[in-house]
C-alpha atoms as a PDB file:
ATOM      1  CA  MET A   1     -33.852 -57.510  28.601  1.00  0.00           C
ATOM      2  CA  THR A   2     -33.133 -57.525  24.875  1.00  0.00           C
ATOM      3  CA  LEU A   3     -32.743 -54.082  23.362  1.00  0.00           C
ATOM      4  CA  TYR A   4     -33.828 -53.511  19.760  1.00  0.00           C
ATOM      5  CA  LEU A   5     -32.489 -51.067  17.227  1.00  0.00           C
ATOM      6  CA  ALA A   6     -35.430 -49.469  15.423  1.00  0.00           C
ATOM      7  CA  ARG A   7     -35.194 -47.694  12.089  1.00  0.00           C
ATOM      8  CA  THR A   8     -38.043 -45.745  10.554  1.00  0.00           C
ATOM      9  CA  GLY A   9     -38.146 -43.331   7.651  1.00  0.00           C
ATOM     10  CA  ILE A  10     -39.144 -39.739   8.382  1.00  0.00           C
ATOM     11  CA  ASP A  11     -40.907 -37.403   5.969  1.00  0.00           C
ATOM     12  CA  VAL A  12     -39.168 -34.118   6.788  1.00  0.00           C
ATOM     13  CA  ARG A  13     -41.847 -31.937   5.169  1.00  0.00           C
ATOM     14  CA  ALA A  14     -44.611 -33.715   7.054  1.00  0.00           C
ATOM     15  CA  LEU A  15     -42.616 -33.407  10.285  1.00  0.00           C
ATOM     16  CA  ALA A  16     -42.108 -29.684   9.738  1.00  0.00           C
ATOM     17  CA  ALA A  17     -45.828 -29.219   9.010  1.00  0.00           C
ATOM     18  CA  PHE A  18     -46.680 -31.207  12.155  1.00  0.00           C
ATOM     19  CA  ALA A  19     -44.340 -28.986  14.196  1.00  0.00           C
ATOM     20  CA  VAL A  20     -45.822 -25.762  12.834  1.00  0.00           C
ATOM     21  CA  ALA A  21     -49.418 -26.902  13.293  1.00  0.00           C
ATOM     22  CA  ARG A  22     -48.796 -27.744  16.952  1.00  0.00           C
ATOM     23  CA  ARG A  23     -46.395 -24.875  17.659  1.00  0.00           C
ATOM     24  CA  LEU A  24     -43.561 -27.263  18.358  1.00  0.00           C
ATOM     25  CA  SER A  25     -40.984 -25.851  15.948  1.00  0.00           C
ATOM     26  CA  ASP A  26     -37.364 -25.593  17.049  1.00  0.00           C
ATOM     27  CA  GLU A  27     -34.045 -25.660  15.250  1.00  0.00           C
ATOM     28  CA  ASP A  28     -33.538 -29.426  15.119  1.00  0.00           C
ATOM     29  CA  LEU A  29     -37.193 -30.610  15.227  1.00  0.00           C
ATOM     30  CA  GLY A  30     -36.286 -32.649  18.310  1.00  0.00           C
ATOM     31  CA  TYR A  31     -39.385 -31.674  20.264  1.00  0.00           C
ATOM     32  CA  ALA A  32     -41.682 -32.334  17.302  1.00  0.00           C
ATOM     33  CA  LEU A  33     -40.186 -35.817  16.872  1.00  0.00           C
ATOM     34  CA  HIS A  34     -40.551 -36.420  20.604  1.00  0.00           C
ATOM     35  CA  ALA A  35     -44.253 -35.505  20.389  1.00  0.00           C
ATOM     36  CA  ALA A  36     -44.876 -37.479  17.182  1.00  0.00           C
ATOM     37  CA  LEU A  37     -43.216 -40.622  18.588  1.00  0.00           C
ATOM     38  CA  LEU A  38     -45.268 -40.455  21.781  1.00  0.00           C
ATOM     39  CA  ALA A  39     -48.469 -39.917  19.797  1.00  0.00           C
ATOM     40  CA  ARG A  40     -47.716 -42.866  17.496  1.00  0.00           C
ATOM     41  CA  PHE A  41     -46.118 -45.398  19.852  1.00  0.00           C
ATOM     42  CA  GLY A  42     -46.935 -44.175  23.368  1.00  0.00           C
ATOM     43  CA  ASP A  43     -44.661 -45.418  26.149  1.00  0.00           C
ATOM     44  CA  ALA A  44     -43.139 -47.957  23.739  1.00  0.00           C
ATOM     45  CA  ALA A  45     -41.632 -45.186  21.571  1.00  0.00           C
ATOM     46  CA  PRO A  46     -37.909 -45.478  20.777  1.00  0.00           C
ATOM     47  CA  ARG A  47     -35.757 -43.680  23.352  1.00  0.00           C
ATOM     48  CA  PRO A  48     -33.065 -42.553  23.107  1.00  0.00           C
ATOM     49  CA  PHE A  49     -33.195 -41.802  19.388  1.00  0.00           C
ATOM     50  CA  ARG A  50     -31.143 -40.094  16.708  1.00  0.00           C
ATOM     51  CA  PHE A  51     -32.628 -38.206  13.759  1.00  0.00           C
ATOM     52  CA  LEU A  52     -30.588 -38.325  10.529  1.00  0.00           C
ATOM     53  CA  PRO A  53     -32.275 -35.818   8.197  1.00  0.00           C
ATOM     54  CA  ASP A  54     -29.438 -35.664   5.651  1.00  0.00           C
ATOM     55  CA  HIS A  55     -28.525 -39.331   5.373  1.00  0.00           C
ATOM     56  CA  GLY A  56     -27.597 -40.638   1.937  1.00  0.00           C
ATOM     57  CA  LYS A  57     -30.309 -43.304   2.112  1.00  0.00           C
ATOM     58  CA  GLY A  58     -32.966 -40.794   3.036  1.00  0.00           C
ATOM     59  CA  PRO A  59     -34.098 -39.075   6.238  1.00  0.00           C
ATOM     60  CA  HIS A  60     -34.690 -41.551   9.015  1.00  0.00           C
ATOM     61  CA  LEU A  61     -34.720 -42.070  12.743  1.00  0.00           C
ATOM     62  CA  LEU A  62     -32.777 -44.633  14.725  1.00  0.00           C
ATOM     63  CA  GLY A  63     -33.762 -45.489  18.266  1.00  0.00           C
ATOM     64  CA  TYR A  64     -33.605 -48.134  20.946  1.00  0.00           C
ATOM     65  CA  VAL A  65     -36.757 -50.054  21.857  1.00  0.00           C
ATOM     66  CA  ARG A  66     -36.891 -51.862  25.197  1.00  0.00           C
ATOM     67  CA  ASP A  67     -40.245 -53.657  24.878  1.00  0.00           C
ATOM     68  CA  ARG A  68     -40.579 -55.245  21.430  1.00  0.00           C
ATOM     69  CA  THR A  69     -44.073 -56.601  22.127  1.00  0.00           C
ATOM     70  CA  ALA A  70     -45.450 -53.245  23.270  1.00  0.00           C
ATOM     71  CA  PHE A  71     -43.846 -51.515  20.291  1.00  0.00           C
ATOM     72  CA  ASP A  72     -45.290 -54.004  17.802  1.00  0.00           C
ATOM     73  CA  ASP A  73     -48.737 -53.695  19.402  1.00  0.00           C
ATOM     74  CA  ALA A  74     -48.589 -49.899  19.124  1.00  0.00           C
ATOM     75  CA  ALA A  75     -47.304 -49.997  15.545  1.00  0.00           C
ATOM     76  CA  ALA A  76     -50.155 -52.336  14.534  1.00  0.00           C
ATOM     77  CA  LEU A  77     -52.785 -49.822  15.590  1.00  0.00           C
ATOM     78  CA  PRO A  78     -53.989 -47.456  12.875  1.00  0.00           C
ATOM     79  CA  THR A  79     -53.858 -43.772  13.786  1.00  0.00           C
ATOM     80  CA  ALA A  80     -56.769 -41.437  13.147  1.00  0.00           C
ATOM     81  CA  ASP A  81     -54.395 -38.464  12.983  1.00  0.00           C
ATOM     82  CA  THR A  82     -53.240 -38.273   9.379  1.00  0.00           C
ATOM     83  CA  ASP A  83     -50.635 -35.618  10.254  1.00  0.00           C
ATOM     84  CA  ILE A  84     -48.863 -38.059  12.576  1.00  0.00           C
ATOM     85  CA  GLN A  85     -49.176 -40.915  10.105  1.00  0.00           C
ATOM     86  CA  ALA A  86     -47.565 -38.763   7.420  1.00  0.00           C
ATOM     87  CA  VAL A  87     -44.473 -38.138   9.569  1.00  0.00           C
ATOM     88  CA  PHE A  88     -43.432 -41.808   9.541  1.00  0.00           C
ATOM     89  CA  ASP A  89     -42.351 -42.910   6.082  1.00  0.00           C
ATOM     90  CA  GLY A  90     -42.842 -46.669   5.856  1.00  0.00           C
ATOM     91  CA  GLU A  91     -42.966 -49.472   8.405  1.00  0.00           C
ATOM     92  CA  PRO A  92     -40.444 -49.509  11.258  1.00  0.00           C
ATOM     93  CA  GLN A  93     -37.649 -52.072  11.016  1.00  0.00           C
ATOM     94  CA  LEU A  94     -36.319 -53.639  14.219  1.00  0.00           C
ATOM     95  CA  GLN A  95     -33.139 -55.621  14.811  1.00  0.00           C
ATOM     96  CA  PRO A  96     -32.098 -57.140  18.155  1.00  0.00           C
ATOM     97  CA  MET A  97     -28.959 -55.821  19.805  1.00  0.00           C
ATOM     98  CA  PRO A  98     -26.658 -58.376  21.472  1.00  0.00           C
ATOM     99  CA  GLY A  99     -28.345 -60.061  24.419  1.00  0.00           C
ATOM    100  CA  THR A 100     -25.091 -60.001  26.363  1.00  0.00           C
ATOM    101  CA  TRP A 101     -21.968 -57.865  26.081  1.00  0.00           C
ATOM    102  CA  ARG A 102     -18.402 -59.012  26.632  1.00  0.00           C
ATOM    103  CA  GLU A 103     -16.055 -57.273  29.013  1.00  0.00           C
ATOM    104  CA  GLY A 104     -13.115 -56.016  26.973  1.00  0.00           C
ATOM    105  CA  ALA A 105     -15.051 -55.904  23.687  1.00  0.00           C
ATOM    106  CA  ARG A 106     -14.046 -52.922  21.573  1.00  0.00           C
ATOM    107  CA  TYR A 107     -16.422 -50.927  19.369  1.00  0.00           C
ATOM    108  CA  GLY A 108     -16.467 -47.852  17.231  1.00  0.00           C
ATOM    109  CA  PHE A 109     -19.054 -45.366  18.441  1.00  0.00           C
ATOM    110  CA  GLU A 110     -20.777 -42.117  17.621  1.00  0.00           C
ATOM    111  CA  VAL A 111     -23.076 -40.136  19.894  1.00  0.00           C
ATOM    112  CA  ARG A 112     -24.862 -36.820  19.617  1.00  0.00           C
ATOM    113  CA  VAL A 113     -24.932 -35.151  23.028  1.00  0.00           C
ATOM    114  CA  ARG A 114     -25.936 -32.009  24.854  1.00  0.00           C
ATOM    115  CA  PRO A 115     -22.794 -31.552  27.029  1.00  0.00           C
ATOM    116  CA  VAL A 116     -24.204 -29.498  29.873  1.00  0.00           C
ATOM    117  CA  VAL A 117     -23.662 -29.452  33.629  1.00  0.00           C
ATOM    118  CA  ARG A 118     -26.287 -28.628  36.230  1.00  0.00           C
ATOM    119  CA  PHE A 119     -26.148 -25.808  38.752  1.00  0.00           C
ATOM    120  CA  GLY A 120     -28.370 -24.989  41.731  1.00  0.00           C
ATOM    121  CA  LYS A 121     -30.159 -21.969  43.160  1.00  0.00           C
ATOM    122  CA  THR A 122     -27.041 -20.348  44.594  1.00  0.00           C
ATOM    123  CA  VAL A 123     -25.214 -20.299  41.288  1.00  0.00           C
ATOM    124  CA  ARG A 124     -28.416 -19.353  39.485  1.00  0.00           C
ATOM    125  CA  ALA A 125     -28.729 -16.285  41.738  1.00  0.00           C
ATOM    126  CA  GLU A 126     -25.150 -15.282  40.919  1.00  0.00           C
ATOM    127  CA  ARG A 127     -26.009 -15.426  37.222  1.00  0.00           C
ATOM    128  CA  ALA A 128     -29.126 -13.266  37.503  1.00  0.00           C
ATOM    129  CA  GLY A 129     -27.371 -10.128  36.317  1.00  0.00           C
ATOM    130  CA  ARG A 130     -25.625 -11.646  33.341  1.00  0.00           C
ATOM    131  CA  SER A 131     -26.356 -10.418  29.857  1.00  0.00           C
ATOM    132  CA  ASP A 132     -26.350 -13.885  28.252  1.00  0.00           C
ATOM    133  CA  ALA A 133     -30.091 -14.417  28.788  1.00  0.00           C
ATOM    134  CA  TRP A 134     -30.131 -18.104  27.921  1.00  0.00           C
ATOM    135  CA  GLN A 135     -28.238 -18.798  31.146  1.00  0.00           C
ATOM    136  CA  ARG A 136     -30.084 -16.336  33.365  1.00  0.00           C
ATOM    137  CA  ASN A 137     -32.802 -18.685  34.594  1.00  0.00           C
ATOM    138  CA  ALA A 138     -31.388 -21.998  33.434  1.00  0.00           C
ATOM    139  CA  GLY A 139     -30.551 -24.943  35.614  1.00  0.00           C
ATOM    140  CA  GLU A 140     -27.825 -26.125  33.251  1.00  0.00           C
ATOM    141  CA  ILE A 141     -24.884 -24.583  31.454  1.00  0.00           C
ATOM    142  CA  ASP A 142     -22.579 -25.547  28.598  1.00  0.00           C
ATOM    143  CA  ALA A 143     -19.765 -27.663  30.075  1.00  0.00           C
ATOM    144  CA  HIS A 144     -17.250 -25.604  28.077  1.00  0.00           C
ATOM    145  CA  VAL A 145     -18.573 -22.324  29.498  1.00  0.00           C
ATOM    146  CA  ALA A 146     -18.468 -23.805  33.003  1.00  0.00           C
ATOM    147  CA  ALA A 147     -14.832 -24.892  32.496  1.00  0.00           C
ATOM    148  CA  ARG A 148     -13.855 -21.421  31.256  1.00  0.00           C
ATOM    149  CA  GLU A 149     -15.465 -19.847  34.299  1.00  0.00           C
ATOM    150  CA  ARG A 150     -13.604 -22.186  36.673  1.00  0.00           C
ATOM    151  CA  ILE A 151     -10.273 -21.250  35.071  1.00  0.00           C
ATOM    152  CA  GLU A 152     -11.152 -17.556  35.177  1.00  0.00           C
ATOM    153  CA  ARG A 153     -12.094 -17.691  38.883  1.00  0.00           C
ATOM    154  CA  ALA A 154      -8.762 -19.394  39.583  1.00  0.00           C
ATOM    155  CA  GLY A 155      -6.927 -16.529  37.873  1.00  0.00           C
ATOM    156  CA  GLY A 156      -6.109 -18.412  34.686  1.00  0.00           C
ATOM    157  CA  ASP A 157      -6.728 -17.628  31.024  1.00  0.00           C
ATOM    158  CA  PRO A 158     -10.139 -18.993  29.919  1.00  0.00           C
ATOM    159  CA  ASP A 159      -9.026 -18.938  26.274  1.00  0.00           C
ATOM    160  CA  THR A 160      -6.707 -21.868  26.998  1.00  0.00           C
ATOM    161  CA  VAL A 161      -9.693 -24.145  27.628  1.00  0.00           C
ATOM    162  CA  ASP A 162     -10.156 -26.488  24.662  1.00  0.00           C
ATOM    163  CA  ARG A 163     -13.788 -27.190  23.814  1.00  0.00           C
ATOM    164  CA  ALA A 164     -13.168 -30.656  22.388  1.00  0.00           C
ATOM    165  CA  ALA A 165     -11.144 -31.704  25.433  1.00  0.00           C
ATOM    166  CA  VAL A 166     -13.904 -30.497  27.790  1.00  0.00           C
ATOM    167  CA  TYR A 167     -16.617 -32.380  25.910  1.00  0.00           C
ATOM    168  CA  ILE A 168     -14.592 -35.578  25.691  1.00  0.00           C
ATOM    169  CA  ASP A 169     -13.886 -35.362  29.427  1.00  0.00           C
ATOM    170  CA  TRP A 170     -17.626 -34.823  29.982  1.00  0.00           C
ATOM    171  CA  LEU A 171     -18.349 -37.983  27.984  1.00  0.00           C
ATOM    172  CA  THR A 172     -15.636 -39.944  29.814  1.00  0.00           C
ATOM    173  CA  THR A 173     -17.255 -39.066  33.135  1.00  0.00           C
ATOM    174  CA  ARG A 174     -20.652 -40.300  31.973  1.00  0.00           C
ATOM    175  CA  LEU A 175     -19.199 -43.543  30.659  1.00  0.00           C
ATOM    176  CA  ALA A 176     -17.346 -44.193  33.922  1.00  0.00           C
ATOM    177  CA  GLY A 177     -17.954 -47.701  35.202  1.00  0.00           C
ATOM    178  CA  THR A 178     -19.500 -48.870  31.915  1.00  0.00           C
ATOM    179  CA  ALA A 179     -16.807 -48.329  29.262  1.00  0.00           C
ATOM    180  CA  THR A 180     -13.481 -46.614  28.704  1.00  0.00           C
ATOM    181  CA  LEU A 181     -12.623 -44.384  25.767  1.00  0.00           C
ATOM    182  CA  ASP A 182      -9.733 -45.583  23.628  1.00  0.00           C
ATOM    183  CA  HIS A 183     -10.012 -42.627  21.283  1.00  0.00           C
ATOM    184  CA  ALA A 184     -12.527 -39.833  20.795  1.00  0.00           C
ATOM    185  CA  ASP A 185     -12.828 -36.672  18.754  1.00  0.00           C
ATOM    186  CA  LEU A 186     -15.335 -33.867  18.428  1.00  0.00           C
ATOM    187  CA  ARG A 187     -16.770 -34.308  14.939  1.00  0.00           C
ATOM    188  CA  LEU A 188     -19.331 -31.528  14.908  1.00  0.00           C
ATOM    189  CA  PHE A 189     -20.350 -28.654  17.150  1.00  0.00           C
ATOM    190  CA  ARG A 190     -23.059 -26.031  16.952  1.00  0.00           C
ATOM    191  CA  ARG A 191     -25.402 -24.188  19.269  1.00  0.00           C
ATOM    192  CA  THR A 192     -29.109 -24.874  18.919  1.00  0.00           C
ATOM    193  CA  ARG A 193     -32.278 -23.446  20.400  1.00  0.00           C
ATOM    194  CA  ALA A 194     -34.796 -26.087  21.367  1.00  0.00           C
ATOM    195  CA  LEU A 195     -38.177 -26.455  23.038  1.00  0.00           C
ATOM    196  CA  ARG A 196     -38.330 -28.152  26.419  1.00  0.00           C
ATOM    197  CA  ASN A 197     -40.988 -28.721  29.082  1.00  0.00           C
ATOM    198  CA  THR A 198     -41.028 -26.502  32.170  1.00  0.00           C
ATOM    199  CA  HIS A 199     -42.996 -29.008  34.328  1.00  0.00           C
ATOM    200  CA  ARG A 200     -44.510 -26.176  36.338  1.00  0.00           C
ATOM    201  CA  SER A 201     -47.119 -26.899  38.981  1.00  0.00           C
ATOM    202  CA  GLU A 202     -49.839 -25.068  37.052  1.00  0.00           C
ATOM    203  CA  GLY A 203     -49.431 -27.395  34.085  1.00  0.00           C
ATOM    204  CA  ARG A 204     -46.892 -28.430  31.491  1.00  0.00           C
ATOM    205  CA  ARG A 205     -45.579 -25.604  29.370  1.00  0.00           C
ATOM    206  CA  THR A 206     -42.723 -25.252  26.960  1.00  0.00           C
ATOM    207  CA  HIS A 207     -39.895 -22.764  26.784  1.00  0.00           C
ATOM    208  CA  ARG A 208     -36.906 -22.300  24.499  1.00  0.00           C
ATOM    209  CA  VAL A 209     -33.401 -23.093  25.679  1.00  0.00           C
ATOM    210  CA  GLU A 210     -30.103 -22.595  23.887  1.00  0.00           C
ATOM    211  CA  GLY A 211     -27.217 -24.942  24.381  1.00  0.00           C
ATOM    212  CA  PRO A 212     -24.379 -26.991  22.908  1.00  0.00           C
ATOM    213  CA  ASP A 213     -25.065 -29.653  20.298  1.00  0.00           C
ATOM    214  CA  ALA A 214     -22.048 -31.922  19.821  1.00  0.00           C
ATOM    215  CA  LEU A 215     -21.249 -35.050  17.837  1.00  0.00           C
ATOM    216  CA  ILE A 216     -18.474 -37.173  19.328  1.00  0.00           C
ATOM    217  CA  GLY A 217     -17.061 -40.338  17.800  1.00  0.00           C
ATOM    218  CA  GLY A 218     -14.228 -42.771  18.328  1.00  0.00           C
ATOM    219  CA  THR A 219     -13.661 -46.182  19.895  1.00  0.00           C
ATOM    220  CA  LEU A 220     -14.482 -47.561  23.334  1.00  0.00           C
ATOM    221  CA  THR A 221     -13.923 -50.719  25.361  1.00  0.00           C
ATOM    222  CA  ILE A 222     -16.637 -52.260  27.519  1.00  0.00           C
ATOM    223  CA  ALA A 223     -15.712 -52.374  31.222  1.00  0.00           C
ATOM    224  CA  ASP A 224     -18.940 -53.626  32.816  1.00  0.00           C
ATOM    225  CA  PRO A 225     -21.292 -55.482  30.428  1.00  0.00           C
ATOM    226  CA  ALA A 226     -24.436 -55.104  32.567  1.00  0.00           C
ATOM    227  CA  ALA A 227     -23.837 -51.415  33.259  1.00  0.00           C
ATOM    228  CA  PHE A 228     -23.059 -50.838  29.573  1.00  0.00           C
ATOM    229  CA  ALA A 229     -26.364 -52.441  28.553  1.00  0.00           C
ATOM    230  CA  GLY A 230     -28.164 -50.146  30.977  1.00  0.00           C
ATOM    231  CA  LEU A 231     -26.377 -47.099  29.546  1.00  0.00           C
ATOM    232  CA  LEU A 232     -27.427 -47.984  25.993  1.00  0.00           C
ATOM    233  CA  ALA A 233     -31.075 -48.221  27.053  1.00  0.00           C
ATOM    234  CA  LYS A 234     -31.005 -45.011  29.091  1.00  0.00           C
ATOM    235  CA  GLY A 235     -28.899 -42.787  26.839  1.00  0.00           C
ATOM    236  CA  ILE A 236     -26.019 -40.475  27.673  1.00  0.00           C
ATOM    237  CA  GLY A 237     -26.639 -37.143  29.347  1.00  0.00           C
ATOM    238  CA  ARG A 238     -29.758 -35.035  29.419  1.00  0.00           C
ATOM    239  CA  HIS A 239     -32.380 -34.578  26.671  1.00  0.00           C
ATOM    240  CA  SER A 240     -32.360 -38.253  25.642  1.00  0.00           C
ATOM    241  CA  GLY A 241     -36.045 -37.991  24.743  1.00  0.00           C
ATOM    242  CA  PHE A 242     -35.334 -35.270  22.184  1.00  0.00           C
ATOM    243  CA  GLY A 243     -32.707 -36.766  19.890  1.00  0.00           C
ATOM    244  CA  TYR A 244     -29.593 -36.810  22.095  1.00  0.00           C
ATOM    245  CA  GLY A 245     -27.655 -39.473  23.937  1.00  0.00           C
ATOM    246  CA  MET A 246     -28.099 -42.473  21.627  1.00  0.00           C
ATOM    247  CA  LEU A 247     -24.846 -44.418  21.489  1.00  0.00           C
ATOM    248  CA  LEU A 248     -24.462 -45.882  17.999  1.00  0.00           C
ATOM    249  CA  LEU A 249     -22.002 -48.781  17.757  1.00  0.00           C
ATOM    250  CA  ALA A 250     -20.009 -50.284  14.905  1.00  0.00           C
ATOM    251  CA  PRO A 251     -16.985 -52.556  14.470  1.00  0.00           C
ATOM    252  CA  PRO A 252     -13.776 -50.572  15.155  1.00  0.00           C
ATOM    253  CA  THR A 253     -11.710 -49.572  12.142  1.00  0.00           C
ATOM    254  CA  ARG A 254      -8.078 -50.574  11.715  1.00  0.00           C
ATOM    255  CA  ALA A 255      -7.059 -46.935  11.903  1.00  0.00           C
ATOM    256  CA  ARG A 256      -8.127 -46.912  15.549  1.00  0.00           C
END
């Protein structure tokens, strides 16, 4: 399978208007982009993707396309919804990624991730009385918060837990078997509130969740070419359909 890197311009005002009209507004417009991509390209929509609203060459979206033929067929169809058409600024541009990867190849990388860990019903019940409402009914928690809690339960000082170290360890775990990190640093961190589907039995609904939004960059070395190719296509971590998990690659710099 050849993976393609897709680039398409995004009209931020049109995207914001689309989000408001359909009640899909959140802090990073990730859900609105998810909905607009599905409406425009269907199952062939780029995923994972990364939205770059403040790029020097203009707001645009990068994403990985698995089926070039299906994507081209979808892109060729006119859309009757002018609001969706207005979101995408210009024709998409696609470039093929390498057909094969080399074990030991070294690349610079950058990835926007939602570094969370899952917890089950038992832990959820223990959290029911907590004041931090975003965790009360959630099935996932910030990996940094989880690490602090582990240290605290063991009698240690939670303030000694370094956020960057936790997130880089989280990324290392998810790269295991595909690539090794030569160097990584936390380039940006914030907390964002986003819309997500509940997938309840009575029908799909949305709810707002708050969580970590981190940008990690550095250099990596490919360990298993086939597994690495699969990771690129799938994305890293959860929420890959909403603007997270896309591993962007570049030649490594001499400084690294």
